Amino acid sequence: MEVTATLRYARITPRKMRMVGDLCKGLPVDKAHYQLDFCQKKGGKLLAVLLDSAVANAREKGGIDLDNLYVKRVTVDDGPILKRFMPRAMGRATKIKKKMSHVTVVLDEAR
């Protein structure tokens, strides 16, 4: 029985978030949380909170053994892009793209 949790509009680029998401894919929940706690990246903290939310969803759903949960899938999709400008030399301007991510964590019971 699958349980999901979603984080939308996270202000981190999808490329950086995918690096962190690959760390915990396929691991049991407790090992994945341990892995994310000691990750030095911003995405590690965001994904740890999302993992806690997914476990809480499993607890509320009922009928799921919380000790046998593992991270089945972590998908990171592109969100909207904030377009900003930075002033440069000689009156010019440069585009700055501030990217966002939509992250989905899927937990499942190990058989």
Protein backbone atom coordinates (compact mmCIF):
# COMPACT_ATOMS: atom_id res chain seq x y z
CA MET A 1 0.00 0.00 0.00
CA GLU A 2 1.62 3.24 -1.16
CA VAL A 3 1.69 6.51 0.74
CA THR A 4 2.72 9.83 -0.80
CA ALA A 5 3.72 13.29 0.35
CA THR A 6 4.30 16.31 -1.88
CA LEU A 7 6.34 19.47 -1.49
CA ARG A 8 5.49 22.16 -4.02
CA TYR A 9 7.25 25.40 -4.93
CA ALA A 10 10.48 24.60 -3.08
CA ARG A 11 13.02 27.34 -3.80
CA ILE A 12 15.82 25.02 -4.87
CA THR A 13 16.80 24.00 -8.37
CA PRO A 14 15.53 20.58 -9.48
CA ARG A 15 19.05 19.47 -10.40
CA LYS A 16 20.33 20.02 -6.86
CA MET A 17 17.25 18.41 -5.33
CA ARG A 18 17.59 15.29 -7.51
CA MET A 19 21.12 14.74 -6.18
CA VAL A 20 19.76 14.59 -2.63
CA GLY A 21 16.72 12.54 -3.63
CA ASP A 22 18.92 9.83 -5.10
CA LEU A 23 20.64 9.38 -1.72
CA CYS A 24 17.55 7.96 -0.02
CA LYS A 25 15.83 6.14 -2.89
CA GLY A 26 15.23 2.47 -2.08
CA LEU A 27 16.28 2.72 1.58
CA PRO A 28 14.18 1.93 4.65
CA VAL A 29 12.66 5.08 6.17
CA ASP A 30 14.89 5.16 9.25
CA LYS A 31 18.10 4.78 7.20
CA ALA A 32 16.90 7.35 4.67
CA HIS A 33 16.17 9.82 7.47
CA TYR A 34 19.62 9.17 8.96
CA GLN A 35 21.18 9.76 5.54
CA LEU A 36 19.32 13.06 5.10
CA ASP A 37 20.11 14.32 8.61
CA PHE A 38 23.83 14.22 7.88
CA CYS A 39 23.56 15.56 4.34
CA GLN A 40 25.31 18.93 4.07
CA LYS A 41 22.96 20.29 1.40
CA LYS A 42 19.84 22.45 1.66
CA GLY A 43 17.78 19.79 -0.10
CA GLY A 44 18.57 17.31 2.67
CA LYS A 45 16.71 19.36 5.24
CA LEU A 46 13.74 19.90 2.92
CA LEU A 47 13.54 16.21 2.03
CA ALA A 48 13.82 15.13 5.68
CA VAL A 49 10.75 17.23 6.53
CA LEU A 50 8.92 15.76 3.54
CA LEU A 51 9.85 12.23 4.62
CA ASP A 52 8.44 12.92 8.10
CA SER A 53 5.23 14.12 6.46
CA ALA A 54 4.97 10.94 4.40
CA VAL A 55 5.42 8.79 7.53
CA ALA A 56 2.72 10.84 9.29
CA ASN A 57 0.42 10.25 6.30
CA ALA A 58 1.05 6.51 6.63
CA ARG A 59 0.26 6.64 10.35
CA GLU A 60 -3.03 8.46 9.69
CA LYS A 61 -4.01 6.14 6.87
CA GLY A 62 -3.77 3.10 9.15
CA GLY A 63 -3.30 -0.55 8.28
CA ILE A 64 0.37 0.00 7.44
CA ASP A 65 3.31 -1.40 9.41
CA LEU A 66 5.52 1.65 9.98
CA ASP A 67 8.59 -0.49 10.68
CA ASN A 68 8.53 -1.99 7.17
CA LEU A 69 8.24 1.27 5.20
CA TYR A 70 10.84 2.11 2.59
CA VAL A 71 11.28 4.93 0.09
CA LYS A 72 9.94 3.55 -3.15
CA ARG A 73 10.25 6.64 -5.34
CA VAL A 74 11.42 10.26 -5.15
CA THR A 75 10.44 12.40 -8.11
CA VAL A 76 11.60 15.96 -8.58
CA ASP A 77 9.85 18.02 -11.24
CA ASP A 78 10.41 21.56 -12.45
CA GLY A 79 8.31 24.28 -10.90
CA PRO A 80 7.82 27.82 -12.12
CA ILE A 81 10.81 30.07 -12.73
CA LEU A 82 11.10 33.52 -11.19
CA LYS A 83 12.75 35.83 -13.71
CA ARG A 84 14.81 38.66 -12.27
CA PHE A 85 17.36 41.11 -13.65
CA MET A 86 20.74 42.10 -12.28
CA PRO A 87 22.38 45.36 -13.31
CA ARG A 88 25.72 44.98 -15.08
CA ALA A 89 28.42 47.22 -16.45
CA MET A 90 27.73 49.97 -19.02
CA GLY A 91 23.98 50.11 -18.35
CA ARG A 92 23.26 46.52 -19.29
CA ALA A 93 21.19 43.95 -17.44
CA THR A 94 21.49 40.18 -17.13
CA LYS A 95 18.66 37.70 -16.61
CA ILE A 96 18.65 35.71 -13.39
CA LYS A 97 16.47 32.60 -13.31
CA LYS A 98 15.39 31.48 -9.85
CA LYS A 99 14.12 27.95 -10.29
CA MET A 100 11.66 26.02 -8.14
CA SER A 101 10.96 22.33 -7.63
CA HIS A 102 7.98 20.10 -6.99
CA VAL A 103 9.05 17.03 -4.97
CA THR A 104 7.01 13.87 -4.43
CA VAL A 105 8.00 11.05 -2.06
CA VAL A 106 6.31 7.65 -2.33
CA LEU A 107 6.64 5.15 0.52
CA ASP A 108 5.67 1.50 0.36
CA GLU A 109 5.70 -1.54 2.64
CA ALA A 110 8.53 -4.01 2.18
CA ARG A 111 7.33 -7.50 1.50
